[in-house]
Amino acid sequence: QVQLVESGGGLVQTGGSLRLSCAASGRAISPYAMGWFRQAPGKERELVAGISYSSGGSTIYAASVKGRFTISRDNAKNTVSLQLNNLKPEDTAVYYCAAGSTALPSGSNAGYNYWGQGTQVTVSS
C-alpha cells in the first residue's frame, strides 16, 4: 500500500504559477512511474503528466500543457512535483497524484494503482 498526499493547490490569476507536491508513504515509489491527473467539473479525469521510475527519466505530457508544466521526482525524498507555469482558466481542476504499476508512465487511468485525494487549482481570468 502507498499513501499519496498532494499539496500546493490554490487560486491564481491567468499567467501565474503554482507548484504542486505529492508526498508518498508506505512504500518507495522509486521502481514505479508516477503521474499527475486532473479532473474539471463535468469532465473525465485526464493525464496531465507522467514520469518514469528514475529521477531523470522520460516524461509524457498532455498536449494542452506541454511547454507550460514540468513534472519531476525526487526518489530519495519519495516525492513528485508538478510545476505549473503560464496558467490558464481552462487549467482549473482538481489535480491528483498517482502511483503507477509499471516503470514507464501510462496515459491511462488504468496504469495507476494508487491515488491521492487531490488538490484544487483555480485560475481566474
Protein backbone atom coordinates (compact mmCIF):
# COMPACT_ATOMS: atom_id res chain seq x y z
CA GLN A 1 0.00 0.00 0.00
CA VAL A 2 1.11 3.52 -0.71
CA GLN A 3 -0.46 6.72 0.53
CA LEU A 4 -0.22 9.87 -1.56
CA VAL A 5 -0.83 13.37 -0.25
CA GLU A 6 -0.92 16.36 -2.57
CA SER A 7 -0.30 19.97 -1.61
CA GLY A 8 0.29 23.30 -3.26
CA GLY A 9 -3.02 23.99 -4.95
CA GLY A 10 -4.76 27.34 -4.72
CA LEU A 11 -6.21 30.33 -6.51
CA VAL A 12 -4.04 32.11 -9.05
CA GLN A 13 -4.57 34.63 -11.83
CA THR A 14 -4.15 33.88 -15.50
CA GLY A 15 -0.48 33.72 -16.34
CA GLY A 16 0.52 32.82 -12.82
CA SER A 17 2.38 29.80 -11.48
CA LEU A 18 1.92 27.10 -8.88
CA ARG A 19 3.97 24.17 -7.72
CA LEU A 20 2.16 21.03 -6.67
CA SER A 21 3.85 18.45 -4.50
CA CYS A 22 2.98 14.84 -3.76
CA ALA A 23 4.42 13.05 -0.75
CA ALA A 24 4.32 9.27 -0.77
CA SER A 25 4.45 6.98 2.23
CA GLY A 26 4.05 3.28 2.87
CA ARG A 27 6.49 2.12 0.21
CA ALA A 28 9.20 3.51 -2.01
CA ILE A 29 7.98 4.94 -5.30
CA SER A 30 11.36 4.56 -6.98
CA PRO A 31 10.53 1.42 -9.02
CA TYR A 32 7.38 2.91 -10.49
CA ALA A 33 6.19 5.59 -12.82
CA MET A 34 4.29 8.48 -11.30
CA GLY A 35 1.64 10.69 -12.81
CA TRP A 36 -0.42 13.81 -12.32
CA PHE A 37 -4.01 13.81 -13.48
CA ARG A 38 -6.73 16.43 -13.33
CA GLN A 39 -10.49 16.47 -13.37
CA ALA A 40 -12.61 19.51 -14.10
CA PRO A 41 -16.33 19.64 -13.22
CA GLY A 42 -18.35 17.59 -15.68
CA LYS A 43 -15.27 16.19 -17.37
CA GLU A 44 -13.37 12.93 -17.21
CA ARG A 45 -10.13 12.61 -15.34
CA GLU A 46 -7.21 13.11 -17.73
CA LEU A 47 -3.48 12.64 -17.61
CA VAL A 48 -1.54 15.88 -17.28
CA ALA A 49 1.99 14.50 -16.98
CA GLY A 50 3.82 11.27 -16.22
CA ILE A 51 7.40 10.39 -15.39
CA SER A 52 9.22 7.09 -15.50
CA TYR A 53 10.79 5.42 -12.48
CA SER A 54 14.09 7.31 -12.33
CA SER A 55 14.52 10.92 -11.29
CA GLY A 56 15.92 11.88 -14.68
CA GLY A 57 13.58 9.61 -16.54
CA SER A 58 11.35 10.02 -19.54
CA THR A 59 8.26 12.16 -19.32
CA ILE A 60 4.94 12.46 -21.11
CA TYR A 61 2.59 15.43 -21.19
CA ALA A 62 -0.87 16.25 -22.38
CA ALA A 63 -0.70 18.42 -25.47
CA SER A 64 -2.60 21.19 -23.69
CA VAL A 65 0.11 21.62 -21.02
CA LYS A 66 3.29 20.82 -22.93
CA GLY A 67 5.79 23.65 -22.56
CA ARG A 68 3.97 25.08 -19.55
CA PHE A 69 4.03 22.27 -16.97
CA THR A 70 7.02 20.26 -15.76
CA ILE A 71 6.91 17.04 -13.79
CA SER A 72 9.83 15.95 -11.62
CA ARG A 73 10.54 13.44 -8.91
CA ASP A 74 12.93 13.00 -6.01
CA ASN A 75 13.15 9.30 -5.19
CA ALA A 76 15.35 9.97 -2.16
CA LYS A 77 12.53 12.02 -0.65
CA ASN A 78 9.74 9.86 -2.09
CA THR A 79 8.12 12.89 -3.68
CA VAL A 80 6.81 14.01 -7.05
CA SER A 81 6.20 17.58 -8.11
CA LEU A 82 4.41 19.41 -10.88
CA GLN A 83 5.43 22.95 -11.79
CA LEU A 84 2.57 24.82 -13.44
CA ASN A 85 3.51 27.97 -15.36
CA ASN A 86 1.53 30.36 -17.54
CA LEU A 87 -1.72 29.08 -16.10
CA LYS A 88 -4.98 29.49 -17.98
CA PRO A 89 -8.60 29.38 -16.79
CA GLU A 90 -9.01 26.03 -18.55
CA ASP A 91 -6.39 24.56 -16.21
CA THR A 92 -8.89 24.88 -13.36
CA ALA A 93 -9.45 21.40 -11.93
CA VAL A 94 -8.72 19.08 -9.05
CA TYR A 95 -5.22 17.71 -9.55
CA TYR A 96 -4.40 14.17 -8.46
CA CYS A 97 -1.10 12.43 -7.90
CA ALA A 98 -1.00 8.77 -8.91
CA ALA A 99 1.46 5.90 -8.50
CA GLY A 100 1.89 3.63 -11.48
CA SER A 101 2.03 -0.15 -11.66
CA THR A 102 4.95 -0.22 -14.09
CA ALA A 103 8.26 1.57 -14.58
CA LEU A 104 7.09 3.62 -17.57
CA PRO A 105 4.27 6.15 -17.41
CA SER A 106 0.90 5.29 -18.85
CA GLY A 107 -1.52 7.77 -20.39
CA SER A 108 -4.46 5.86 -18.98
CA ASN A 109 -6.02 5.84 -15.52
CA ALA A 110 -5.76 2.06 -15.64
CA GLY A 111 -1.99 2.25 -15.47
CA TYR A 112 -2.03 3.63 -11.94
CA ASN A 113 -2.77 1.75 -8.74
CA TYR A 114 -2.83 4.41 -6.07
CA TRP A 115 -4.32 7.88 -5.96
CA GLY A 116 -4.15 10.87 -3.70
CA GLN A 117 -7.17 12.86 -2.53
CA GLY A 118 -6.47 15.73 -4.89
CA THR A 119 -5.72 19.42 -4.60
CA GLN A 120 -7.80 22.19 -6.14
CA VAL A 121 -6.25 24.55 -8.68
CA THR A 122 -8.37 27.53 -9.68
CA VAL A 123 -7.22 30.01 -12.32
CA SER A 124 -9.13 33.27 -12.53
CA SER A 125 -9.43 35.24 -15.74
